[in-house]
Amino acid sequence: MPDARPTSAFHAANLDPAVTDRLIAALDAQAANPGVRRLRSWAHTRLAARPGERALDVGSGTGSETQVLAAAVAPGGTALGLEPHPGLRAVAEQRARDVDSPAGFLDGDALALPLPDAELDVVRCERVLQHLTEPARAVAEIARVLRPGGRVVLLDTDWPTFVLHPAAPEVRPALAAVTQATAATPDAGRRLAGWLAAAGLTVDELGSDVLLHDPRSVTWPIVHGLGAAAVARSLITEEQREQLHADVTAAAELGAFHLSVTMFGAVAHRPR
């Protein structure tokens, strides 16, 4: 029988409220990260959504960036967030109501966008492609729904750039393997421009930023999760995990803990 709980917690089939709560907490924490905020600001500036335009946020999560698009296209425009996870979509709808945002949200699949050809002026897609086994197909769908002259920005993580320090040399390969296994396409960030070009779009600009964590405080949910997964897969021993915990604790006390990953962005348009 097929697995009813797919690997990605963002999959629509994962309806466990506890999982949804963790997703919301993770998304909110990421939204507060300075690197994420800088890259999002860069993306919105380059998209330059204008009043009266039609915009789509693919994989809108809690809806914060859909709200930004909605404000940019008002008055007269529309901004929709496509989110297949019902728990996240419900949160996005409630948060939009709480601030009287005109942002709307709908169920849908990034591989088969529920919109006609050449319907949109602006499309935004953040950290979705890494979760897909067919990311190029999703980018082709974005190209399909863009009108001539329409703009798109893709933002995604590049998991091979993940760094956790300090970690013993013999532990690093295990952490890299576990980290990259969290995504269906772990190197999505570096492949954005290629996918856009293959879909017939013109790439206008590339950008990047580093999601850097506080060097004075261990990000324990991530460190614990990586260590537990590495032990479960017999990639490291319990003793090695305990040493990893001790090493990062000592580093944080000196302000020398390091946890980072790079996100990339690509802006493109559909030729007229």
Protein backbone atom coordinates (compact mmCIF):
# COMPACT_ATOMS: atom_id res chain seq x y z
CA MET A 1 0.00 0.00 0.00
CA PRO A 2 1.22 3.56 -0.66
CA ASP A 3 2.57 5.56 2.25
CA ALA A 4 -0.24 7.77 3.56
CA ARG A 5 2.27 10.15 5.13
CA PRO A 6 4.67 11.35 2.42
CA THR A 7 8.22 12.35 3.29
CA SER A 8 7.55 16.08 3.01
CA ALA A 9 5.49 17.40 5.89
CA PHE A 10 4.17 20.05 3.51
CA HIS A 11 2.35 17.40 1.47
CA ALA A 12 -1.43 17.85 1.56
CA ALA A 13 -1.86 14.31 2.89
CA ASN A 14 -0.15 15.23 6.17
CA LEU A 15 -3.17 16.33 8.18
CA ASP A 16 -1.86 15.65 11.68
CA PRO A 17 -2.53 18.87 13.67
CA ALA A 18 0.76 18.45 15.53
CA VAL A 19 2.64 18.35 12.22
CA THR A 20 0.73 21.42 11.02
CA ASP A 21 1.60 23.30 14.20
CA ARG A 22 5.29 22.51 13.71
CA LEU A 23 5.12 23.66 10.09
CA ILE A 24 3.53 26.96 11.12
CA ALA A 25 6.14 27.51 13.83
CA ALA A 26 8.96 26.72 11.39
CA LEU A 27 7.58 29.04 8.71
CA ASP A 28 7.12 31.86 11.21
CA ALA A 29 10.67 31.42 12.51
CA GLN A 30 12.05 31.41 8.98
CA ALA A 31 10.08 34.54 8.12
CA ALA A 32 11.86 36.34 10.96
CA ASN A 33 15.33 35.34 9.72
CA PRO A 34 17.21 38.39 8.38
CA GLY A 35 18.43 36.49 5.32
CA VAL A 36 14.91 35.42 4.38
CA ARG A 37 13.63 38.94 4.91
CA ARG A 38 16.34 40.43 2.70
CA LEU A 39 15.79 37.94 -0.12
CA ARG A 40 12.02 38.37 0.03
CA SER A 41 12.40 42.14 -0.13
CA TRP A 42 14.72 41.78 -3.12
CA ALA A 43 12.19 39.52 -4.83
CA HIS A 44 9.24 41.86 -4.33
CA THR A 45 11.28 44.83 -5.56
CA ARG A 46 12.29 42.98 -8.72
CA LEU A 47 8.76 41.70 -9.35
CA ALA A 48 7.41 45.24 -9.03
CA ALA A 49 3.76 44.18 -8.81
CA ARG A 50 1.51 47.12 -9.74
CA PRO A 51 -2.09 48.17 -9.03
CA GLY A 52 -4.58 46.32 -11.19
CA GLU A 53 -2.35 43.33 -11.88
CA ARG A 54 -3.14 39.66 -11.32
CA ALA A 55 -0.70 37.83 -9.05
CA LEU A 56 -0.22 34.26 -7.82
CA ASP A 57 1.86 33.02 -4.89
CA VAL A 58 2.59 29.32 -5.49
CA GLY A 59 2.99 27.44 -2.21
CA SER A 60 1.82 30.36 -0.10
CA GLY A 61 2.16 28.67 3.31
CA THR A 62 0.86 31.00 6.02
CA GLY A 63 0.12 33.68 3.43
CA SER A 64 2.38 36.51 4.57
CA GLU A 65 3.87 37.13 1.13
CA THR A 66 0.51 36.74 -0.59
CA GLN A 67 -0.63 39.63 1.57
CA VAL A 68 2.34 41.69 0.33
CA LEU A 69 1.35 40.95 -3.26
CA ALA A 70 -2.29 41.81 -2.51
CA ALA A 71 -1.29 45.20 -1.14
CA ALA A 72 0.91 45.88 -4.18
CA VAL A 73 -1.79 45.11 -6.77
CA ALA A 74 -4.51 47.09 -4.98
CA PRO A 75 -6.68 48.75 -6.03
CA GLY A 76 -8.19 46.78 -8.84
CA GLY A 77 -5.85 43.80 -8.81
CA THR A 78 -6.08 40.29 -7.40
CA ALA A 79 -3.57 38.20 -5.46
CA LEU A 80 -4.13 34.51 -4.83
CA GLY A 81 -2.08 32.10 -2.75
CA LEU A 82 -2.02 28.51 -3.97
CA GLU A 83 -1.60 26.16 -1.00
CA PRO A 84 -2.45 22.43 -1.11
CA HIS A 85 -1.99 21.88 2.63
CA PRO A 86 -5.42 22.50 4.22
CA GLY A 87 -4.00 23.35 7.65
CA LEU A 88 -1.66 26.01 6.29
CA ARG A 89 -4.35 27.34 3.97
CA ALA A 90 -6.75 27.78 6.89
CA VAL A 91 -4.13 29.72 8.83
CA ALA A 92 -3.40 31.90 5.80
CA GLU A 93 -7.09 32.70 5.36
CA GLN A 94 -7.51 33.57 9.03
CA ARG A 95 -4.42 35.77 9.13
CA ALA A 96 -5.59 37.64 6.05
CA ARG A 97 -8.98 38.24 7.65
CA ASP A 98 -7.32 39.44 10.85
CA VAL A 99 -5.61 42.30 9.00
CA ASP A 100 -8.37 42.92 6.41
CA SER A 101 -6.09 41.84 3.58
CA PRO A 102 -7.80 41.16 0.23
CA ALA A 103 -5.46 38.20 -0.38
CA GLY A 104 -7.32 35.07 -1.40
CA PHE A 105 -6.28 31.43 -1.14
CA LEU A 106 -7.12 28.30 -3.08
CA ASP A 107 -6.31 24.63 -3.14
CA GLY A 108 -4.23 23.42 -6.05
CA ASP A 109 -1.23 21.57 -7.40
CA ALA A 110 1.95 23.32 -8.57
CA LEU A 111 2.22 20.68 -11.31
CA ALA A 112 -1.21 21.57 -12.71
CA LEU A 113 -2.08 25.16 -11.84
CA PRO A 114 -5.87 25.67 -11.85
CA LEU A 115 -5.70 28.72 -14.13
CA PRO A 116 -6.03 29.40 -17.87
CA ASP A 117 -3.10 30.12 -20.16
CA ALA A 118 -1.64 33.67 -20.09
CA GLU A 119 -3.79 34.66 -17.11
CA LEU A 120 -1.27 36.31 -14.78
CA ASP A 121 0.99 39.33 -14.61
CA VAL A 122 3.07 38.17 -11.64
CA VAL A 123 3.96 34.79 -10.13
CA ARG A 124 5.97 34.18 -7.00
CA CYS A 125 7.16 30.75 -5.83
CA GLU A 126 9.27 30.30 -2.70
CA ARG A 127 10.78 27.06 -1.39
CA VAL A 128 8.35 24.84 -3.25
CA LEU A 129 10.49 23.32 -5.99
CA GLN A 130 12.81 21.58 -3.51
CA HIS A 131 9.84 19.47 -2.38
CA LEU A 132 8.90 18.31 -5.89
CA THR A 133 10.18 15.33 -7.84
CA GLU A 134 9.30 17.16 -11.08
CA PRO A 135 10.28 20.80 -10.42
CA ALA A 136 10.83 21.58 -14.11
CA ARG A 137 7.21 20.66 -14.78
CA ALA A 138 6.06 23.14 -12.14
CA VAL A 139 8.15 25.91 -13.71
CA ALA A 140 6.65 25.06 -17.12
CA GLU A 141 3.20 25.50 -15.54
CA ILE A 142 4.22 28.92 -14.25
CA ALA A 143 5.37 29.87 -17.74
CA ARG A 144 2.05 28.68 -19.16
CA VAL A 145 -0.09 30.91 -16.94
CA LEU A 146 2.07 34.02 -17.41
CA ARG A 147 0.91 36.54 -19.98
CA PRO A 148 3.49 37.92 -22.46
CA GLY A 149 5.57 40.37 -20.45
CA GLY A 150 4.53 38.73 -17.18
CA ARG A 151 7.15 38.36 -14.43
CA VAL A 152 8.11 35.52 -12.12
CA VAL A 153 10.46 35.14 -9.19
CA LEU A 154 11.59 31.77 -7.85
CA LEU A 155 13.25 31.46 -4.44
CA ASP A 156 14.63 28.19 -3.16
CA THR A 157 17.09 26.59 -0.80
CA ASP A 158 20.27 24.87 -1.91
CA TRP A 159 20.75 22.18 0.74
CA PRO A 160 24.27 21.11 -0.29
CA THR A 161 25.38 24.54 1.02
CA PHE A 162 24.22 23.66 4.56
CA VAL A 163 26.88 24.21 7.23
CA LEU A 164 26.79 23.15 10.89
CA HIS A 165 29.87 24.03 12.94
CA PRO A 166 31.50 22.68 14.97
CA ALA A 167 31.05 19.08 13.84
CA ALA A 168 33.76 16.45 13.78
CA PRO A 169 35.09 15.64 10.28
CA GLU A 170 33.74 12.10 10.46
CA VAL A 171 30.25 13.40 11.35
CA ARG A 172 29.95 16.00 8.60
CA PRO A 173 29.12 13.59 5.73
CA ALA A 174 26.32 12.08 7.82
CA LEU A 175 24.82 15.50 8.54
CA ALA A 176 25.05 16.42 4.85
CA ALA A 177 23.29 13.20 3.84
CA VAL A 178 20.48 13.70 6.35
CA THR A 179 20.03 17.36 5.41
CA GLN A 180 19.79 16.68 1.70
CA ALA A 181 17.38 13.80 2.28
CA THR A 182 14.81 16.27 3.62
CA ALA A 183 14.11 17.51 0.09
CA ALA A 184 13.11 15.74 -3.11
CA THR A 185 15.36 18.10 -5.08
CA PRO A 186 17.95 19.31 -2.56
CA ASP A 187 19.95 21.42 -5.05
CA ALA A 188 16.90 23.35 -6.26
CA GLY A 189 18.45 26.75 -5.51
CA ARG A 190 21.25 26.48 -8.06
CA ARG A 191 18.92 25.12 -10.76
CA LEU A 192 16.36 27.92 -10.87
CA ALA A 193 17.78 29.78 -13.86
CA GLY A 194 18.05 26.58 -15.89
CA TRP A 195 14.44 25.62 -15.24
CA LEU A 196 13.23 29.10 -16.20
CA ALA A 197 15.21 29.12 -19.43
CA ALA A 198 14.02 25.61 -20.33
CA ALA A 199 10.43 26.81 -19.88
CA GLY A 200 10.97 29.53 -22.50
CA LEU A 201 11.33 32.43 -20.07
CA THR A 202 14.00 35.12 -20.14
CA VAL A 203 16.09 35.25 -16.98
CA ASP A 204 16.62 38.87 -15.90
CA GLU A 205 18.46 38.70 -12.60
CA LEU A 206 19.82 36.27 -10.02
CA GLY A 207 20.17 36.83 -6.29
CA SER A 208 21.09 35.00 -3.10
CA ASP A 209 21.29 35.34 0.64
CA VAL A 210 22.47 33.24 3.55
CA LEU A 211 20.12 32.10 6.27
CA LEU A 212 22.53 32.55 9.16
CA HIS A 213 21.50 31.58 12.68
CA ASP A 214 22.48 33.29 15.93
CA PRO A 215 26.06 32.22 16.79
CA ARG A 216 25.34 32.60 20.52
CA SER A 217 22.43 30.18 20.69
CA VAL A 218 22.23 26.61 19.41
CA THR A 219 19.23 26.05 17.14
CA TRP A 220 18.33 22.90 19.02
CA PRO A 221 15.28 21.75 17.03
CA ILE A 222 17.47 21.48 13.93
CA VAL A 223 20.53 20.06 15.68
CA HIS A 224 18.47 17.49 17.61
CA GLY A 225 16.58 16.51 14.47
CA LEU A 226 19.71 16.05 12.37
CA GLY A 227 21.47 14.06 15.07
CA ALA A 228 18.50 11.79 15.71
CA ALA A 229 18.05 11.13 11.99
CA ALA A 230 21.75 10.36 11.52
CA VAL A 231 21.68 7.88 14.41
CA ALA A 232 18.46 6.27 13.15
CA ARG A 233 20.11 5.70 9.76
CA SER A 234 23.23 4.28 11.44
CA LEU A 235 25.35 7.05 9.95
CA ILE A 236 26.76 8.07 13.34
CA THR A 237 26.83 6.52 16.79
CA GLU A 238 25.08 7.74 19.93
CA GLU A 239 28.47 8.76 21.28
CA GLN A 240 29.16 10.87 18.19
CA ARG A 241 25.79 12.56 18.55
CA GLU A 242 26.48 13.35 22.21
CA GLN A 243 29.86 14.80 21.25
CA LEU A 244 28.20 16.92 18.55
CA HIS A 245 25.79 18.32 21.15
CA ALA A 246 28.66 19.07 23.53
CA ASP A 247 30.72 20.74 20.79
CA VAL A 248 27.95 23.06 19.58
CA THR A 249 27.02 23.95 23.17
CA ALA A 250 30.59 24.97 23.93
CA ALA A 251 30.83 26.95 20.69
CA ALA A 252 27.62 28.87 21.44
CA GLU A 253 29.00 29.88 24.82
CA LEU A 254 31.85 31.56 22.92
CA GLY A 255 29.55 33.03 20.27
CA ALA A 256 31.09 30.68 17.70
CA PHE A 257 28.18 28.36 16.82
CA HIS A 258 27.47 28.37 13.07
CA LEU A 259 24.36 27.15 11.27
CA SER A 260 23.61 28.37 7.78
CA VAL A 261 22.24 27.49 4.36
CA THR A 262 22.10 29.53 1.15
CA MET A 263 18.92 30.50 -0.65
CA PHE A 264 18.93 31.60 -4.27
CA GLY A 265 16.51 33.68 -6.30
CA ALA A 266 15.86 34.10 -10.01
CA VAL A 267 13.70 36.70 -11.72
CA ALA A 268 12.44 36.16 -15.27
CA HIS A 269 9.75 37.27 -17.70
CA ARG A 270 7.77 35.75 -20.52
CA PRO A 271 8.86 37.30 -23.83
CA ARG A 272 6.25 39.33 -25.67
